[in-house]
Amino acid sequence: MGRPPAISPELLLTAYRQGIFPMADPDGAMSWYSPDPRGVIPLEEFHLPHGLKRTLAKGLFEVRINTAFAAVLEGCADRDETWIDGRIKQSYQELHRLGFAHSVEAWQGDVLGGGLYGVALGGAFFGESMFHTVTDASKVALHALVQRLRQQGFGLLDLQWVTPHLAKFGAREIPRSEYLRQLELQLERRCSFSGK
């Protein structure tokens, strides 16, 4: 038996529009989630910790958009336990090719120090995962993501779940019913993550 096929872009995008996202299980199954409560960062409430302010002031990283999507995906998957299997990689690389999935990358010269990726639909951005191999690189990428979403008129940054790390940046939980209400409003907007 070969590897199960990738998730079709149509199914993935339909799921996102309903507040649902996939994660691969260790046994090879694919599970779908719609958490209640849901983690978000209200863009107007993003908190910039003092340590990150100092890092940004030093100009240690160059932020790039969509120049190394596959490498970011690999970086996010490179951990002891991961829900990013081969099907997830293939599925999101296709979404990237179609212009729906994006990466925000923090570089030091030719070295990719960290980054994040997610999916943009309407005025909503669905953050999927982040990683770093250089201290503060993923935090720089998150700050750059919030700046871009603000500039491009987005209104919703979905984090799926709130972790203690993300709480430092202003992440909070809202009831799924409120999340779905916000999502419905944002899907009606026409925003361009890439700025084109």
Protein backbone atom coordinates (compact mmCIF):
# COMPACT_ATOMS: atom_id res chain seq x y z
CA MET A 1 0.00 0.00 0.00
CA GLY A 2 1.25 3.47 -0.87
CA ARG A 3 1.02 6.61 1.18
CA PRO A 4 -2.51 8.04 1.53
CA PRO A 5 -3.18 10.89 -0.90
CA ALA A 6 -2.76 14.52 0.06
CA ILE A 7 -5.77 16.53 1.17
CA SER A 8 -7.29 18.33 -1.80
CA PRO A 9 -7.11 22.13 -1.81
CA GLU A 10 -10.90 22.26 -2.16
CA LEU A 11 -11.44 20.22 1.00
CA LEU A 12 -8.83 22.15 2.97
CA LEU A 13 -10.23 25.55 2.03
CA THR A 14 -13.82 24.43 2.71
CA ALA A 15 -12.72 23.23 6.15
CA TYR A 16 -10.94 26.49 6.97
CA ARG A 17 -14.01 28.48 5.98
CA GLN A 18 -15.92 26.46 8.60
CA GLY A 19 -13.28 26.89 11.29
CA ILE A 20 -11.88 23.36 10.93
CA PHE A 21 -8.26 22.28 10.35
CA PRO A 22 -6.42 18.93 10.01
CA MET A 23 -3.59 17.38 11.99
CA ALA A 24 -1.92 14.05 11.27
CA ASP A 25 -1.95 11.46 14.07
CA PRO A 26 1.08 9.29 14.93
CA ASP A 27 -0.78 6.20 13.67
CA GLY A 28 -1.16 7.74 10.22
CA ALA A 29 -4.79 8.82 10.56
CA MET A 30 -5.87 12.39 9.80
CA SER A 31 -7.93 14.15 12.46
CA TRP A 32 -9.91 17.36 12.04
CA TYR A 33 -10.32 19.96 14.78
CA SER A 34 -12.47 22.95 15.67
CA PRO A 35 -11.39 23.86 19.22
CA ASP A 36 -13.70 25.42 21.79
CA PRO A 37 -12.41 27.78 23.06
CA ARG A 38 -10.32 29.02 20.13
CA GLY A 39 -6.99 30.79 20.39
CA VAL A 40 -6.59 34.16 18.66
CA ILE A 41 -4.38 37.23 18.84
CA PRO A 42 -6.53 40.35 18.45
CA LEU A 43 -4.35 42.34 16.07
CA GLU A 44 -4.93 45.60 17.91
CA GLU A 45 -3.89 43.95 21.20
CA PHE A 46 -0.62 42.36 20.06
CA HIS A 47 1.92 42.71 22.88
CA LEU A 48 5.58 43.29 22.11
CA PRO A 49 7.70 41.92 25.00
CA HIS A 50 10.72 44.02 26.03
CA GLY A 51 13.18 41.33 24.99
CA LEU A 52 11.74 41.24 21.48
CA LYS A 53 11.82 45.04 21.30
CA ARG A 54 15.56 44.91 21.99
CA THR A 55 16.05 42.19 19.36
CA LEU A 56 14.14 44.17 16.74
CA ALA A 57 16.12 47.32 17.59
CA LYS A 58 19.38 45.47 16.92
CA GLY A 59 18.26 44.55 13.40
CA LEU A 60 19.60 41.01 13.70
CA PHE A 61 17.18 39.49 11.18
CA GLU A 62 15.93 40.17 7.69
CA VAL A 63 12.27 39.25 7.26
CA ARG A 64 11.24 37.69 3.96
CA ILE A 65 7.85 36.51 2.76
CA ASN A 66 7.23 33.32 0.78
CA THR A 67 10.84 32.77 -0.27
CA ALA A 68 11.34 29.43 1.51
CA PHE A 69 7.92 27.95 2.19
CA ALA A 70 9.05 24.32 1.95
CA ALA A 71 12.00 24.98 4.28
CA VAL A 72 9.72 26.59 6.86
CA LEU A 73 7.38 23.61 6.61
CA GLU A 74 10.32 21.26 7.17
CA GLY A 75 11.54 23.33 10.11
CA CYS A 76 8.12 23.21 11.74
CA ALA A 77 7.95 19.44 11.26
CA ASP A 78 11.46 18.78 12.59
CA ARG A 79 10.65 17.88 16.20
CA ASP A 80 10.27 14.73 18.25
CA GLU A 81 6.48 14.72 18.04
CA THR A 82 4.84 16.32 15.03
CA TRP A 83 1.47 16.41 13.35
CA ILE A 84 3.08 17.58 10.09
CA ASP A 85 3.51 14.38 8.09
CA GLY A 86 4.17 13.88 4.39
CA ARG A 87 0.52 14.40 3.44
CA ILE A 88 0.33 17.65 5.40
CA LYS A 89 3.51 18.90 3.71
CA GLN A 90 2.23 17.97 0.26
CA SER A 91 -1.20 19.48 0.92
CA TYR A 92 0.09 22.83 2.17
CA GLN A 93 2.74 23.12 -0.50
CA GLU A 94 -0.09 22.86 -3.02
CA LEU A 95 -2.03 25.56 -1.12
CA HIS A 96 1.12 27.68 -1.28
CA ARG A 97 1.42 27.10 -5.02
CA LEU A 98 -2.19 28.25 -5.40
CA GLY A 99 -1.53 31.42 -3.36
CA PHE A 100 -3.41 30.56 -0.15
CA ALA A 101 -0.60 29.37 2.16
CA HIS A 102 2.23 31.71 3.11
CA SER A 103 5.49 31.73 5.05
CA VAL A 104 7.07 34.52 7.07
CA GLU A 105 10.80 33.94 7.47
CA ALA A 106 13.54 35.43 9.69
CA TRP A 107 16.93 35.24 8.01
CA GLN A 108 20.50 35.97 9.07
CA GLY A 109 22.36 36.25 5.81
CA ASP A 110 21.86 32.95 4.00
CA VAL A 111 20.68 31.16 7.17
CA LEU A 112 16.98 30.64 7.80
CA GLY A 113 16.81 31.23 11.55
CA GLY A 114 13.11 30.52 11.92
CA GLY A 115 9.67 31.33 10.63
CA LEU A 116 6.02 30.44 10.51
CA TYR A 117 3.39 29.47 7.98
CA GLY A 118 -0.35 29.66 7.67
CA VAL A 119 -3.33 30.10 5.39
CA ALA A 120 -4.95 33.38 4.33
CA LEU A 121 -8.61 33.60 3.32
CA GLY A 122 -10.46 36.90 3.06
CA GLY A 123 -9.46 38.95 6.10
CA ALA A 124 -8.51 35.90 8.17
CA PHE A 125 -5.07 34.37 8.66
CA PHE A 126 -4.89 30.88 10.12
CA GLY A 127 -1.54 30.39 11.81
CA GLU A 128 -0.40 26.78 11.54
CA SER A 129 3.06 26.39 13.06
CA MET A 130 6.32 28.17 13.80
CA PHE A 131 9.93 27.15 14.49
CA HIS A 132 13.35 28.58 15.20
CA THR A 133 16.94 27.42 15.18
CA VAL A 134 18.25 30.90 16.10
CA THR A 135 17.08 32.59 19.30
CA ASP A 136 14.12 34.98 18.78
CA ALA A 137 13.76 34.20 15.06
CA SER A 138 10.20 32.85 15.35
CA LYS A 139 9.24 35.82 17.54
CA VAL A 140 10.55 38.21 14.90
CA ALA A 141 8.50 36.32 12.29
CA LEU A 142 5.36 36.57 14.45
CA HIS A 143 5.85 40.31 14.89
CA ALA A 144 6.33 40.68 11.12
CA LEU A 145 3.18 38.65 10.51
CA VAL A 146 1.10 40.93 12.74
CA GLN A 147 2.54 44.02 11.05
CA ARG A 148 1.69 42.65 7.61
CA LEU A 149 -1.84 41.64 8.61
CA ARG A 150 -2.47 45.13 9.97
CA GLN A 151 -1.06 46.77 6.83
CA GLN A 152 -3.14 44.60 4.53
CA GLY A 153 -6.40 45.12 6.42
CA PHE A 154 -6.82 41.66 7.94
CA GLY A 155 -9.07 41.37 10.98
CA LEU A 156 -8.51 37.88 12.39
CA LEU A 157 -5.34 36.02 13.43
CA ASP A 158 -6.28 32.46 14.38
CA LEU A 159 -3.80 30.49 16.51
CA GLN A 160 -5.96 27.38 17.05
CA TRP A 161 -4.90 27.02 20.72
CA VAL A 162 -3.29 29.39 23.23
CA THR A 163 0.05 28.27 24.64
CA PRO A 164 1.92 30.01 27.50
CA HIS A 165 4.45 31.18 24.90
CA LEU A 166 1.79 32.78 22.68
CA ALA A 167 0.02 34.32 25.69
CA LYS A 168 3.06 36.58 26.12
CA PHE A 169 2.12 38.24 22.83
CA GLY A 170 -1.51 38.90 23.73
CA ALA A 171 -3.06 35.61 22.63
CA ARG A 172 -6.35 34.79 24.30
CA GLU A 173 -9.20 32.32 24.11
CA ILE A 174 -12.65 33.12 22.78
CA PRO A 175 -15.69 30.83 22.57
CA ARG A 176 -15.96 28.91 19.30
CA SER A 177 -19.31 30.61 18.62
CA GLU A 178 -17.62 34.03 18.78
CA TYR A 179 -14.73 32.81 16.65
CA LEU A 180 -17.10 31.53 13.96
CA ARG A 181 -18.97 34.85 14.02
CA GLN A 182 -15.72 36.77 13.51
CA LEU A 183 -14.60 34.31 10.83
CA GLU A 184 -17.81 34.71 8.86
CA LEU A 185 -17.35 38.49 8.83
CA GLN A 186 -13.69 38.29 7.81
CA LEU A 187 -14.31 35.83 4.98
CA GLU A 188 -16.41 38.50 3.27
CA ARG A 189 -13.43 40.86 3.07
CA ARG A 190 -10.98 41.01 0.19
CA CYS A 191 -7.45 41.21 1.56
CA SER A 192 -4.18 40.29 -0.11
CA PHE A 193 -1.48 38.81 2.11
CA SER A 194 1.18 39.04 -0.59
CA GLY A 195 0.29 42.66 -1.31
CA LYS A 196 -0.25 42.03 -5.03
